[in-house]
C-alpha cells in the first residue's frame, strides 16, 4: 500500500487505540484524563474521525502499552522493514523470561 490516506491511517489507528485501551482495562474517561484530552476527542480517535498529535501518541503508547510498529505495520511495504516488524511482533508475544533469553543470545552473537 503505497498511497496512505489520512482517513485510512486514522481508522487503523483508532482500532488499535481502542483494542489496547480495552486490553488495558481502561475506560475512555480514564484515558482522556491520563492523556489530558477530552472524552469527545478519545471517541473521535477510536472511531477514526481524528488523528493524534505526536506527543499524545507517545503518551498513549506508554499508557496503553502498544509498540510503535503496530501503528504503521499495515502501511509498510519495504521488505526489510516488514521483516523487522514481523520479528518484533514475534518477540513481543514472548514472556519476559523468553525475551531476556533472546536478548542474551543476540548479545552473544553480536560479541562474535
PDB file of N, CA and C in Angstrom:
ATOM      1  N   UNK A   1       0.845  -1.171   0.000  1.00  0.00           N
ATOM      2  CA  UNK A   1       0.000   0.000   0.000  1.00  0.00           C
ATOM      3  C   UNK A   1       0.892   1.236   0.000  1.00  0.00           C
ATOM      4  N   UNK A   2       1.084   1.847  -1.168  1.00  0.00           N
ATOM      5  CA  UNK A   2       1.976   2.988  -1.273  1.00  0.00           C
ATOM      6  C   UNK A   2       1.291   4.309  -0.957  1.00  0.00           C
ATOM      7  N   UNK A   3       0.030   4.450  -1.339  1.00  0.00           N
ATOM      8  CA  UNK A   3      -0.717   5.665  -1.051  1.00  0.00           C
ATOM      9  C   UNK A   3      -1.553   5.462   0.200  1.00  0.00           C
ATOM     10  N   UNK A   4      -1.174   6.162   1.249  1.00  0.00           N
ATOM     11  CA  UNK A   4      -1.889   6.029   2.512  1.00  0.00           C
ATOM     12  C   UNK A   4      -2.652   7.321   2.755  1.00  0.00           C
ATOM     13  N   UNK A   5      -3.954   7.216   2.826  1.00  0.00           N
ATOM     14  CA  UNK A   5      -4.746   8.412   3.097  1.00  0.00           C
ATOM     15  C   UNK A   5      -4.787   8.656   4.599  1.00  0.00           C
ATOM     16  N   UNK A   6      -5.031   9.884   4.963  1.00  0.00           N
ATOM     17  CA  UNK A   6      -5.164  10.229   6.382  1.00  0.00           C
ATOM     18  C   UNK A   6      -6.319   9.447   6.990  1.00  0.00           C
ATOM     19  N   UNK A   7      -7.403   9.301   6.247  1.00  0.00           N
ATOM     20  CA  UNK A   7      -8.569   8.557   6.729  1.00  0.00           C
ATOM     21  C   UNK A   7      -8.220   7.099   7.010  1.00  0.00           C
ATOM     22  N   UNK A   8      -7.486   6.461   6.063  1.00  0.00           N
ATOM     23  CA  UNK A   8      -7.062   5.069   6.264  1.00  0.00           C
ATOM     24  C   UNK A   8      -6.222   4.943   7.530  1.00  0.00           C
ATOM     25  N   UNK A   9      -5.277   5.868   7.687  1.00  0.00           N
ATOM     26  CA  UNK A   9      -4.398   5.822   8.846  1.00  0.00           C
ATOM     27  C   UNK A   9      -5.190   6.044  10.132  1.00  0.00           C
ATOM     28  N   UNK A  10      -6.046   7.050  10.135  1.00  0.00           N
ATOM     29  CA  UNK A  10      -6.829   7.364  11.343  1.00  0.00           C
ATOM     30  C   UNK A  10      -7.758   6.210  11.728  1.00  0.00           C
ATOM     31  N   UNK A  11      -8.392   5.574  10.750  1.00  0.00           N
ATOM     32  CA  UNK A  11      -9.276   4.435  11.027  1.00  0.00           C
ATOM     33  C   UNK A  11      -8.475   3.276  11.628  1.00  0.00           C
ATOM     34  N   UNK A  12      -7.327   2.975  11.029  1.00  0.00           N
ATOM     35  CA  UNK A  12      -6.466   1.901  11.525  1.00  0.00           C
ATOM     36  C   UNK A  12      -5.990   2.211  12.939  1.00  0.00           C
ATOM     37  N   UNK A  13      -5.538   3.433  13.158  1.00  0.00           N
ATOM     38  CA  UNK A  13      -5.050   3.810  14.475  1.00  0.00           C
ATOM     39  C   UNK A  13      -6.172   3.743  15.511  1.00  0.00           C
ATOM     40  N   UNK A  14      -7.352   4.176  15.137  1.00  0.00           N
ATOM     41  CA  UNK A  14      -8.489   4.145  16.059  1.00  0.00           C
ATOM     42  C   UNK A  14      -8.786   2.742  16.548  1.00  0.00           C
ATOM     43  N   UNK A  15      -8.716   1.759  15.641  1.00  0.00           N
ATOM     44  CA  UNK A  15      -8.952   0.365  16.024  1.00  0.00           C
ATOM     45  C   UNK A  15      -7.893  -0.111  17.014  1.00  0.00           C
ATOM     46  N   UNK A  16      -6.641   0.210  16.720  1.00  0.00           N
ATOM     47  CA  UNK A  16      -5.536  -0.197  17.596  1.00  0.00           C
ATOM     48  C   UNK A  16      -5.680   0.459  18.961  1.00  0.00           C
ATOM     49  N   UNK A  17      -5.954   1.752  18.960  1.00  0.00           N
ATOM     50  CA  UNK A  17      -6.098   2.514  20.200  1.00  0.00           C
ATOM     51  C   UNK A  17      -7.181   1.884  21.081  1.00  0.00           C
ATOM     52  N   UNK A  18      -8.338   1.631  20.483  1.00  0.00           N
ATOM     53  CA  UNK A  18      -9.458   1.064  21.238  1.00  0.00           C
ATOM     54  C   UNK A  18      -9.122  -0.336  21.748  1.00  0.00           C
ATOM     55  N   UNK A  19      -8.517  -1.153  20.893  1.00  0.00           N
ATOM     56  CA  UNK A  19      -8.143  -2.513  21.276  1.00  0.00           C
ATOM     57  C   UNK A  19      -7.218  -2.501  22.499  1.00  0.00           C
ATOM     58  N   UNK A  20      -6.209  -1.656  22.478  1.00  0.00           N
ATOM     59  CA  UNK A  20      -5.265  -1.610  23.595  1.00  0.00           C
ATOM     60  C   UNK A  20      -5.863  -0.928  24.827  1.00  0.00           C
ATOM     61  N   UNK A  21      -6.767   0.008  24.621  1.00  0.00           N
ATOM     62  CA  UNK A  21      -7.441   0.629  25.772  1.00  0.00           C
ATOM     63  C   UNK A  21      -8.258  -0.426  26.512  1.00  0.00           C
ATOM     64  N   UNK A  22      -9.009  -1.201  25.761  1.00  0.00           N
ATOM     65  CA  UNK A  22      -9.834  -2.248  26.363  1.00  0.00           C
ATOM     66  C   UNK A  22      -8.942  -3.317  27.015  1.00  0.00           C
ATOM     67  N   UNK A  23      -7.893  -3.719  26.300  1.00  0.00           N
ATOM     68  CA  UNK A  23      -6.958  -4.708  26.829  1.00  0.00           C
ATOM     69  C   UNK A  23      -6.325  -4.229  28.142  1.00  0.00           C
ATOM     70  N   UNK A  24      -6.117  -2.916  28.259  1.00  0.00           N
ATOM     71  CA  UNK A  24      -5.533  -2.330  29.470  1.00  0.00           C
ATOM     72  C   UNK A  24      -6.558  -2.171  30.587  1.00  0.00           C
ATOM     73  N   UNK A  25      -7.829  -2.410  30.259  1.00  0.00           N
ATOM     74  CA  UNK A  25      -8.880  -2.299  31.260  1.00  0.00           C
ATOM     75  C   UNK A  25      -9.215  -0.864  31.631  1.00  0.00           C
ATOM     76  N   UNK A  26      -8.958   0.060  30.716  1.00  0.00           N
ATOM     77  CA  UNK A  26      -9.207   1.477  30.988  1.00  0.00           C
ATOM     78  C   UNK A  26     -10.446   1.964  30.249  1.00  0.00           C
ATOM     79  N   UNK A  27     -11.173   2.850  30.880  1.00  0.00           N
ATOM     80  CA  UNK A  27     -12.321   3.474  30.235  1.00  0.00           C
ATOM     81  C   UNK A  27     -11.838   4.624  29.364  1.00  0.00           C
ATOM     82  N   UNK A  28     -12.709   5.065  28.481  1.00  0.00           N
ATOM     83  CA  UNK A  28     -12.384   6.250  27.685  1.00  0.00           C
ATOM     84  C   UNK A  28     -12.143   7.438  28.605  1.00  0.00           C
ATOM     85  N   UNK A  29     -12.922   7.532  29.656  1.00  0.00           N
ATOM     86  CA  UNK A  29     -12.791   8.645  30.603  1.00  0.00           C
ATOM     87  C   UNK A  29     -11.413   8.656  31.258  1.00  0.00           C
ATOM     88  N   UNK A  30     -10.945   7.478  31.685  1.00  0.00           N
ATOM     89  CA  UNK A  30      -9.643   7.384  32.347  1.00  0.00           C
ATOM     90  C   UNK A  30      -8.518   7.724  31.373  1.00  0.00           C
ATOM     91  N   UNK A  31      -8.620   7.251  30.149  1.00  0.00           N
ATOM     92  CA  UNK A  31      -7.595   7.545  29.143  1.00  0.00           C
ATOM     93  C   UNK A  31      -7.576   9.037  28.839  1.00  0.00           C
ATOM     94  N   UNK A  32      -8.756   9.633  28.704  1.00  0.00           N
ATOM     95  CA  UNK A  32      -8.835  11.076  28.452  1.00  0.00           C
ATOM     96  C   UNK A  32      -8.150  11.846  29.577  1.00  0.00           C
ATOM     97  N   UNK A  33      -8.422  11.437  30.801  1.00  0.00           N
ATOM     98  CA  UNK A  33      -7.814  12.089  31.959  1.00  0.00           C
ATOM     99  C   UNK A  33      -6.294  11.930  31.947  1.00  0.00           C
ATOM    100  N   UNK A  34      -5.817  10.720  31.707  1.00  0.00           N
ATOM    101  CA  UNK A  34      -4.381  10.442  31.713  1.00  0.00           C
ATOM    102  C   UNK A  34      -3.643  11.170  30.584  1.00  0.00           C
ATOM    103  N   UNK A  35      -4.295  11.287  29.433  1.00  0.00           N
ATOM    104  CA  UNK A  35      -3.665  11.945  28.278  1.00  0.00           C
ATOM    105  C   UNK A  35      -3.942  13.439  28.240  1.00  0.00           C
ATOM    106  N   UNK A  36      -4.751  13.888  29.179  1.00  0.00           N
ATOM    107  CA  UNK A  36      -5.106  15.305  29.258  1.00  0.00           C
ATOM    108  C   UNK A  36      -5.771  15.805  27.971  1.00  0.00           C
ATOM    109  N   UNK A  37      -6.728  14.998  27.482  1.00  0.00           N
ATOM    110  CA  UNK A  37      -7.517  15.366  26.316  1.00  0.00           C
ATOM    111  C   UNK A  37      -8.981  15.073  26.636  1.00  0.00           C
ATOM    112  N   UNK A  38      -9.876  15.582  25.817  1.00  0.00           N
ATOM    113  CA  UNK A  38     -11.304  15.437  26.114  1.00  0.00           C
ATOM    114  C   UNK A  38     -11.819  14.034  25.792  1.00  0.00           C
ATOM    115  N   UNK A  39     -12.880  13.674  26.460  1.00  0.00           N
ATOM    116  CA  UNK A  39     -13.546  12.403  26.215  1.00  0.00           C
ATOM    117  C   UNK A  39     -14.056  12.348  24.774  1.00  0.00           C
ATOM    118  N   UNK A  40     -14.574  13.464  24.294  1.00  0.00           N
ATOM    119  CA  UNK A  40     -15.059  13.535  22.911  1.00  0.00           C
ATOM    120  C   UNK A  40     -13.927  13.243  21.925  1.00  0.00           C
ATOM    121  N   UNK A  41     -12.742  13.754  22.225  1.00  0.00           N
ATOM    122  CA  UNK A  41     -11.579  13.531  21.358  1.00  0.00           C
ATOM    123  C   UNK A  41     -11.194  12.047  21.357  1.00  0.00           C
ATOM    124  N   UNK A  42     -11.244  11.387  22.514  1.00  0.00           N
ATOM    125  CA  UNK A  42     -10.962   9.952  22.589  1.00  0.00           C
ATOM    126  C   UNK A  42     -11.943   9.188  21.699  1.00  0.00           C
ATOM    127  N   UNK A  43     -13.213   9.529  21.796  1.00  0.00           N
ATOM    128  CA  UNK A  43     -14.233   8.876  20.989  1.00  0.00           C
ATOM    129  C   UNK A  43     -13.959   9.084  19.495  1.00  0.00           C
ATOM    130  N   UNK A  44     -13.597  10.296  19.133  1.00  0.00           N
ATOM    131  CA  UNK A  44     -13.315  10.596  17.724  1.00  0.00           C
ATOM    132  C   UNK A  44     -12.080   9.841  17.229  1.00  0.00           C
ATOM    133  N   UNK A  45     -11.065   9.697  18.087  1.00  0.00           N
ATOM    134  CA  UNK A  45      -9.875   8.924  17.713  1.00  0.00           C
ATOM    135  C   UNK A  45     -10.272   7.467  17.474  1.00  0.00           C
ATOM    136  N   UNK A  46     -10.989   6.877  18.430  1.00  0.00           N
ATOM    137  CA  UNK A  46     -11.350   5.470  18.330  1.00  0.00           C
ATOM    138  C   UNK A  46     -12.248   5.173  17.132  1.00  0.00           C
ATOM    139  N   UNK A  47     -13.018   6.134  16.712  1.00  0.00           N
ATOM    140  CA  UNK A  47     -13.892   5.944  15.558  1.00  0.00           C
ATOM    141  C   UNK A  47     -13.238   6.350  14.241  1.00  0.00           C
ATOM    142  N   UNK A  48     -11.973   6.779  14.306  1.00  0.00           N
ATOM    143  CA  UNK A  48     -11.229   7.109  13.097  1.00  0.00           C
ATOM    144  C   UNK A  48     -11.546   8.456  12.497  1.00  0.00           C
ATOM    145  N   UNK A  49     -12.169   9.343  13.288  1.00  0.00           N
ATOM    146  CA  UNK A  49     -12.527  10.667  12.777  1.00  0.00           C
ATOM    147  C   UNK A  49     -11.467  11.720  13.062  1.00  0.00           C
ATOM    148  N   UNK A  50     -10.525  11.411  13.931  1.00  0.00           N
ATOM    149  CA  UNK A  50      -9.461  12.346  14.275  1.00  0.00           C
ATOM    150  C   UNK A  50      -8.135  11.619  14.321  1.00  0.00           C
ATOM    151  N   UNK A  51      -7.088  12.347  13.975  1.00  0.00           N
ATOM    152  CA  UNK A  51      -5.743  11.838  14.163  1.00  0.00           C
ATOM    153  C   UNK A  51      -5.301  12.154  15.579  1.00  0.00           C
ATOM    154  N   UNK A  52      -4.013  11.998  15.818  1.00  0.00           N
ATOM    155  CA  UNK A  52      -3.488  12.232  17.154  1.00  0.00           C
ATOM    156  C   UNK A  52      -2.143  12.934  17.022  1.00  0.00           C
ATOM    157  N   UNK A  53      -1.892  13.895  17.884  1.00  0.00           N
ATOM    158  CA  UNK A  53      -0.617  14.614  17.862  1.00  0.00           C
ATOM    159  C   UNK A  53       0.500  13.672  18.284  1.00  0.00           C
ATOM    160  N   UNK A  54       1.700  13.937  17.785  1.00  0.00           N
ATOM    161  CA  UNK A  54       2.849  13.075  18.093  1.00  0.00           C
ATOM    162  C   UNK A  54       3.082  12.927  19.585  1.00  0.00           C
ATOM    163  N   UNK A  55       2.997  14.031  20.310  1.00  0.00           N
ATOM    164  CA  UNK A  55       3.239  13.981  21.756  1.00  0.00           C
ATOM    165  C   UNK A  55       2.184  13.112  22.449  1.00  0.00           C
ATOM    166  N   UNK A  56       0.940  13.230  22.012  1.00  0.00           N
ATOM    167  CA  UNK A  56      -0.142  12.443  22.590  1.00  0.00           C
ATOM    168  C   UNK A  56      -0.001  10.976  22.189  1.00  0.00           C
ATOM    169  N   UNK A  57       0.479  10.730  20.985  1.00  0.00           N
ATOM    170  CA  UNK A  57       0.713   9.364  20.528  1.00  0.00           C
ATOM    171  C   UNK A  57       1.720   8.664  21.435  1.00  0.00           C
ATOM    172  N   UNK A  58       2.810   9.337  21.741  1.00  0.00           N
ATOM    173  CA  UNK A  58       3.834   8.745  22.608  1.00  0.00           C
ATOM    174  C   UNK A  58       3.260   8.482  24.004  1.00  0.00           C
ATOM    175  N   UNK A  59       2.509   9.434  24.530  1.00  0.00           N
ATOM    176  CA  UNK A  59       1.873   9.238  25.843  1.00  0.00           C
ATOM    177  C   UNK A  59       0.900   8.060  25.806  1.00  0.00           C
ATOM    178  N   UNK A  60       0.152   7.935  24.713  1.00  0.00           N
ATOM    179  CA  UNK A  60      -0.812   6.836  24.572  1.00  0.00           C
ATOM    180  C   UNK A  60      -0.094   5.489  24.494  1.00  0.00           C
ATOM    181  N   UNK A  61       1.018   5.424  23.750  1.00  0.00           N
ATOM    182  CA  UNK A  61       1.771   4.174  23.662  1.00  0.00           C
ATOM    183  C   UNK A  61       2.284   3.763  25.032  1.00  0.00           C
ATOM    184  N   UNK A  62       2.772   4.723  25.797  1.00  0.00           N
ATOM    185  CA  UNK A  62       3.262   4.420  27.147  1.00  0.00           C
ATOM    186  C   UNK A  62       2.126   4.028  28.084  1.00  0.00           C
ATOM    187  N   UNK A  63       1.000   4.681  27.970  1.00  0.00           N
ATOM    188  CA  UNK A  63      -0.141   4.393  28.832  1.00  0.00           C
ATOM    189  C   UNK A  63      -0.772   3.040  28.512  1.00  0.00           C
ATOM    190  N   UNK A  64      -0.982   2.784  27.228  1.00  0.00           N
ATOM    191  CA  UNK A  64      -1.727   1.598  26.808  1.00  0.00           C
ATOM    192  C   UNK A  64      -0.832   0.416  26.446  1.00  0.00           C
ATOM    193  N   UNK A  65       0.466   0.662  26.313  1.00  0.00           N
ATOM    194  CA  UNK A  65       1.418  -0.427  26.087  1.00  0.00           C
ATOM    195  C   UNK A  65       1.467  -0.987  24.682  1.00  0.00           C
ATOM    196  N   UNK A  66       1.195  -0.162  23.678  1.00  0.00           N
ATOM    197  CA  UNK A  66       1.323  -0.695  22.321  1.00  0.00           C
ATOM    198  C   UNK A  66       2.601  -0.175  21.663  1.00  0.00           C
ATOM    199  N   UNK A  67       3.291  -1.068  20.914  1.00  0.00           N
ATOM    200  CA  UNK A  67       4.553  -0.697  20.280  1.00  0.00           C
ATOM    201  C   UNK A  67       4.321   0.165  19.036  1.00  0.00           C
ATOM    202  N   UNK A  68       5.280   1.018  18.709  1.00  0.00           N
ATOM    203  CA  UNK A  68       5.112   1.911  17.551  1.00  0.00           C
ATOM    204  C   UNK A  68       4.912   1.174  16.233  1.00  0.00           C
ATOM    205  N   UNK A  69       5.548   0.030  16.065  1.00  0.00           N
ATOM    206  CA  UNK A  69       5.439  -0.649  14.774  1.00  0.00           C
ATOM    207  C   UNK A  69       4.025  -1.127  14.468  1.00  0.00           C
ATOM    208  N   UNK A  70       3.232  -1.390  15.496  1.00  0.00           N
ATOM    209  CA  UNK A  70       1.855  -1.844  15.261  1.00  0.00           C
ATOM    210  C   UNK A  70       1.009  -0.738  14.620  1.00  0.00           C
ATOM    211  N   UNK A  71       1.363   0.502  14.887  1.00  0.00           N
ATOM    212  CA  UNK A  71       0.620   1.636  14.337  1.00  0.00           C
ATOM    213  C   UNK A  71       0.825   1.736  12.820  1.00  0.00           C
ATOM    214  N   UNK A  72       2.009   1.373  12.373  1.00  0.00           N
ATOM    215  CA  UNK A  72       2.368   1.576  10.970  1.00  0.00           C
ATOM    216  C   UNK A  72       2.409   0.300  10.136  1.00  0.00           C
ATOM    217  N   UNK A  73       2.353  -0.867  10.766  1.00  0.00           N
ATOM    218  CA  UNK A  73       2.623  -2.111  10.053  1.00  0.00           C
ATOM    219  C   UNK A  73       1.744  -2.347   8.832  1.00  0.00           C
ATOM    220  N   UNK A  74       0.490  -1.943   8.857  1.00  0.00           N
ATOM    221  CA  UNK A  74      -0.395  -2.162   7.709  1.00  0.00           C
ATOM    222  C   UNK A  74      -0.039  -1.298   6.509  1.00  0.00           C
ATOM    223  N   UNK A  75       0.829  -0.319   6.719  1.00  0.00           N
ATOM    224  CA  UNK A  75       1.147   0.616   5.646  1.00  0.00           C
ATOM    225  C   UNK A  75       2.583   0.482   5.137  1.00  0.00           C
ATOM    226  N   UNK A  76       3.387  -0.351   5.769  1.00  0.00           N
ATOM    227  CA  UNK A  76       4.788  -0.505   5.397  1.00  0.00           C
ATOM    228  C   UNK A  76       4.940  -1.569   4.326  1.00  0.00           C
ATOM    229  N   UNK A  77       5.701  -1.242   3.281  1.00  0.00           N
ATOM    230  CA  UNK A  77       5.862  -2.183   2.181  1.00  0.00           C
ATOM    231  C   UNK A  77       7.306  -2.613   1.951  1.00  0.00           C
ATOM    232  N   UNK A  78       8.275  -1.872   2.474  1.00  0.00           N
ATOM    233  CA  UNK A  78       9.676  -2.216   2.257  1.00  0.00           C
ATOM    234  C   UNK A  78       9.966  -3.573   2.893  1.00  0.00           C
ATOM    235  N   UNK A  79      10.529  -4.515   2.130  1.00  0.00           N
ATOM    236  CA  UNK A  79      10.729  -5.878   2.637  1.00  0.00           C
ATOM    237  C   UNK A  79      11.563  -5.954   3.922  1.00  0.00           C
ATOM    238  N   UNK A  80      12.611  -5.164   4.014  1.00  0.00           N
ATOM    239  CA  UNK A  80      13.453  -5.205   5.214  1.00  0.00           C
ATOM    240  C   UNK A  80      12.702  -4.689   6.438  1.00  0.00           C
ATOM    241  N   UNK A  81      11.925  -3.654   6.249  1.00  0.00           N
ATOM    242  CA  UNK A  81      11.134  -3.116   7.358  1.00  0.00           C
ATOM    243  C   UNK A  81      10.057  -4.125   7.754  1.00  0.00           C
ATOM    244  N   UNK A  82       9.424  -4.755   6.772  1.00  0.00           N
ATOM    245  CA  UNK A  82       8.402  -5.770   7.061  1.00  0.00           C
ATOM    246  C   UNK A  82       8.990  -6.917   7.890  1.00  0.00           C
ATOM    247  N   UNK A  83      10.215  -7.349   7.518  1.00  0.00           N
ATOM    248  CA  UNK A  83      10.880  -8.421   8.268  1.00  0.00           C
ATOM    249  C   UNK A  83      11.120  -7.999   9.711  1.00  0.00           C
ATOM    250  N   UNK A  84      11.576  -6.754   9.892  1.00  0.00           N
ATOM    251  CA  UNK A  84      11.831  -6.255  11.242  1.00  0.00           C
ATOM    252  C   UNK A  84      10.548  -6.180  12.067  1.00  0.00           C
ATOM    253  N   UNK A  85       9.469  -5.759  11.434  1.00  0.00           N
ATOM    254  CA  UNK A  85       8.182  -5.687  12.131  1.00  0.00           C
ATOM    255  C   UNK A  85       7.724  -7.087  12.530  1.00  0.00           C
ATOM    256  N   UNK A  86       7.854  -8.050  11.631  1.00  0.00           N
ATOM    257  CA  UNK A  86       7.453  -9.428  11.946  1.00  0.00           C
ATOM    258  C   UNK A  86       8.286  -9.996  13.091  1.00  0.00           C
ATOM    259  N   UNK A  87       9.580  -9.728  13.078  1.00  0.00           N
ATOM    260  CA  UNK A  87      10.445 -10.185  14.161  1.00  0.00           C
ATOM    261  C   UNK A  87      10.043  -9.525  15.480  1.00  0.00           C
ATOM    262  N   UNK A  88       9.776  -8.247  15.425  1.00  0.00           N
ATOM    263  CA  UNK A  88       9.351  -7.517  16.616  1.00  0.00           C
ATOM    264  C   UNK A  88       8.052  -8.095  17.178  1.00  0.00           C
ATOM    265  N   UNK A  89       7.096  -8.417  16.307  1.00  0.00           N
ATOM    266  CA  UNK A  89       5.826  -8.997  16.749  1.00  0.00           C
ATOM    267  C   UNK A  89       6.056 -10.348  17.429  1.00  0.00           C
ATOM    268  N   UNK A  90       6.945 -11.151  16.866  1.00  0.00           N
ATOM    269  CA  UNK A  90       7.241 -12.445  17.473  1.00  0.00           C
ATOM    270  C   UNK A  90       7.858 -12.270  18.858  1.00  0.00           C
ATOM    271  N   UNK A  91       8.786 -11.344  18.965  1.00  0.00           N
ATOM    272  CA  UNK A  91       9.439 -11.090  20.253  1.00  0.00           C
ATOM    273  C   UNK A  91       8.428 -10.552  21.258  1.00  0.00           C
ATOM    274  N   UNK A  92       7.569  -9.632  20.832  1.00  0.00           N
ATOM    275  CA  UNK A  92       6.569  -9.048  21.739  1.00  0.00           C
ATOM    276  C   UNK A  92       5.588 -10.082  22.278  1.00  0.00           C
ATOM    277  N   UNK A  93       5.401 -11.165  21.558  1.00  0.00           N
ATOM    278  CA  UNK A  93       4.457 -12.189  22.008  1.00  0.00           C
ATOM    279  C   UNK A  93       5.060 -13.121  23.061  1.00  0.00           C
ATOM    280  N   UNK A  94       6.364 -13.023  23.296  1.00  0.00           N
ATOM    281  CA  UNK A  94       7.040 -13.898  24.254  1.00  0.00           C
ATOM    282  C   UNK A  94       6.882 -13.402  25.687  1.00  0.00           C
ATOM    283  N   UNK A  95       7.069 -14.319  26.615  1.00  0.00           N
ATOM    284  CA  UNK A  95       7.092 -13.939  28.032  1.00  0.00           C
ATOM    285  C   UNK A  95       8.351 -13.113  28.298  1.00  0.00           C
ATOM    286  N   UNK A  96       8.367 -12.398  29.409  1.00  0.00           N
ATOM    287  CA  UNK A  96       9.547 -11.600  29.761  1.00  0.00           C
ATOM    288  C   UNK A  96      10.785 -12.484  29.892  1.00  0.00           C
ATOM    289  N   UNK A  97      10.612 -13.659  30.449  1.00  0.00           N
ATOM    290  CA  UNK A  97      11.734 -14.589  30.614  1.00  0.00           C
ATOM    291  C   UNK A  97      12.320 -14.967  29.246  1.00  0.00           C
ATOM    292  N   UNK A  98      11.460 -15.271  28.300  1.00  0.00           N
ATOM    293  CA  UNK A  98      11.929 -15.640  26.961  1.00  0.00           C
ATOM    294  C   UNK A  98      12.531 -14.444  26.227  1.00  0.00           C
ATOM    295  N   UNK A  99      11.980 -13.257  26.460  1.00  0.00           N
ATOM    296  CA  UNK A  99      12.561 -12.050  25.862  1.00  0.00           C
ATOM    297  C   UNK A  99      13.982 -11.838  26.373  1.00  0.00           C
ATOM    298  N   UNK A 100      14.194 -12.032  27.666  1.00  0.00           N
ATOM    299  CA  UNK A 100      15.536 -11.895  28.242  1.00  0.00           C
ATOM    300  C   UNK A 100      16.490 -12.920  27.649  1.00  0.00           C
ATOM    301  N   UNK A 101      15.999 -14.132  27.448  1.00  0.00           N
ATOM    302  CA  UNK A 101      16.816 -15.185  26.850  1.00  0.00           C
ATOM    303  C   UNK A 101      17.229 -14.805  25.426  1.00  0.00           C
ATOM    304  N   UNK A 102      16.262 -14.371  24.637  1.00  0.00           N
ATOM    305  CA  UNK A 102      16.536 -13.952  23.251  1.00  0.00           C
ATOM    306  C   UNK A 102      17.532 -12.787  23.239  1.00  0.00           C
ATOM    307  N   UNK A 103      17.353 -11.855  24.131  1.00  0.00           N
ATOM    308  CA  UNK A 103      18.266 -10.712  24.237  1.00  0.00           C
ATOM    309  C   UNK A 103      19.694 -11.173  24.546  1.00  0.00           C
ATOM    310  N   UNK A 104      19.822 -12.150  25.420  1.00  0.00           N
ATOM    311  CA  UNK A 104      21.151 -12.700  25.756  1.00  0.00           C
ATOM    312  C   UNK A 104      21.791 -13.373  24.539  1.00  0.00           C
ATOM    313  N   UNK A 105      20.982 -14.088  23.779  1.00  0.00           N
ATOM    314  CA  UNK A 105      21.503 -14.741  22.568  1.00  0.00           C
ATOM    315  C   UNK A 105      21.974 -13.691  21.569  1.00  0.00           C
ATOM    316  N   UNK A 106      21.199 -12.639  21.401  1.00  0.00           N
ATOM    317  CA  UNK A 106      21.590 -11.566  20.471  1.00  0.00           C
ATOM    318  C   UNK A 106      22.891 -10.927  20.932  1.00  0.00           C
ATOM    319  N   UNK A 107      23.025 -10.689  22.227  1.00  0.00           N
ATOM    320  CA  UNK A 107      24.273 -10.134  22.764  1.00  0.00           C
ATOM    321  C   UNK A 107      25.449 -11.046  22.476  1.00  0.00           C
ATOM    322  N   UNK A 108      25.262 -12.353  22.649  1.00  0.00           N
ATOM    323  CA  UNK A 108      26.323 -13.315  22.368  1.00  0.00           C
ATOM    324  C   UNK A 108      26.721 -13.282  20.894  1.00  0.00           C
ATOM    325  N   UNK A 109      25.736 -13.281  20.021  1.00  0.00           N
ATOM    326  CA  UNK A 109      26.007 -13.257  18.574  1.00  0.00           C
ATOM    327  C   UNK A 109      26.728 -11.967  18.191  1.00  0.00           C
ATOM    328  N   UNK A 110      26.325 -10.859  18.756  1.00  0.00           N
ATOM    329  CA  UNK A 110      26.970  -9.574  18.445  1.00  0.00           C
ATOM    330  C   UNK A 110      28.415  -9.526  18.931  1.00  0.00           C
ATOM    331  N   UNK A 111      28.729 -10.280  19.972  1.00  0.00           N
ATOM    332  CA  UNK A 111      30.085 -10.305  20.512  1.00  0.00           C
ATOM    333  C   UNK A 111      31.033 -11.204  19.727  1.00  0.00           C
ATOM    334  N   UNK A 112      30.510 -12.008  18.794  1.00  0.00           N
ATOM    335  CA  UNK A 112      31.363 -12.905  17.992  1.00  0.00           C
ATOM    336  C   UNK A 112      32.208 -12.159  17.009  1.00  0.00           C
TER     337      UNK A 112
END
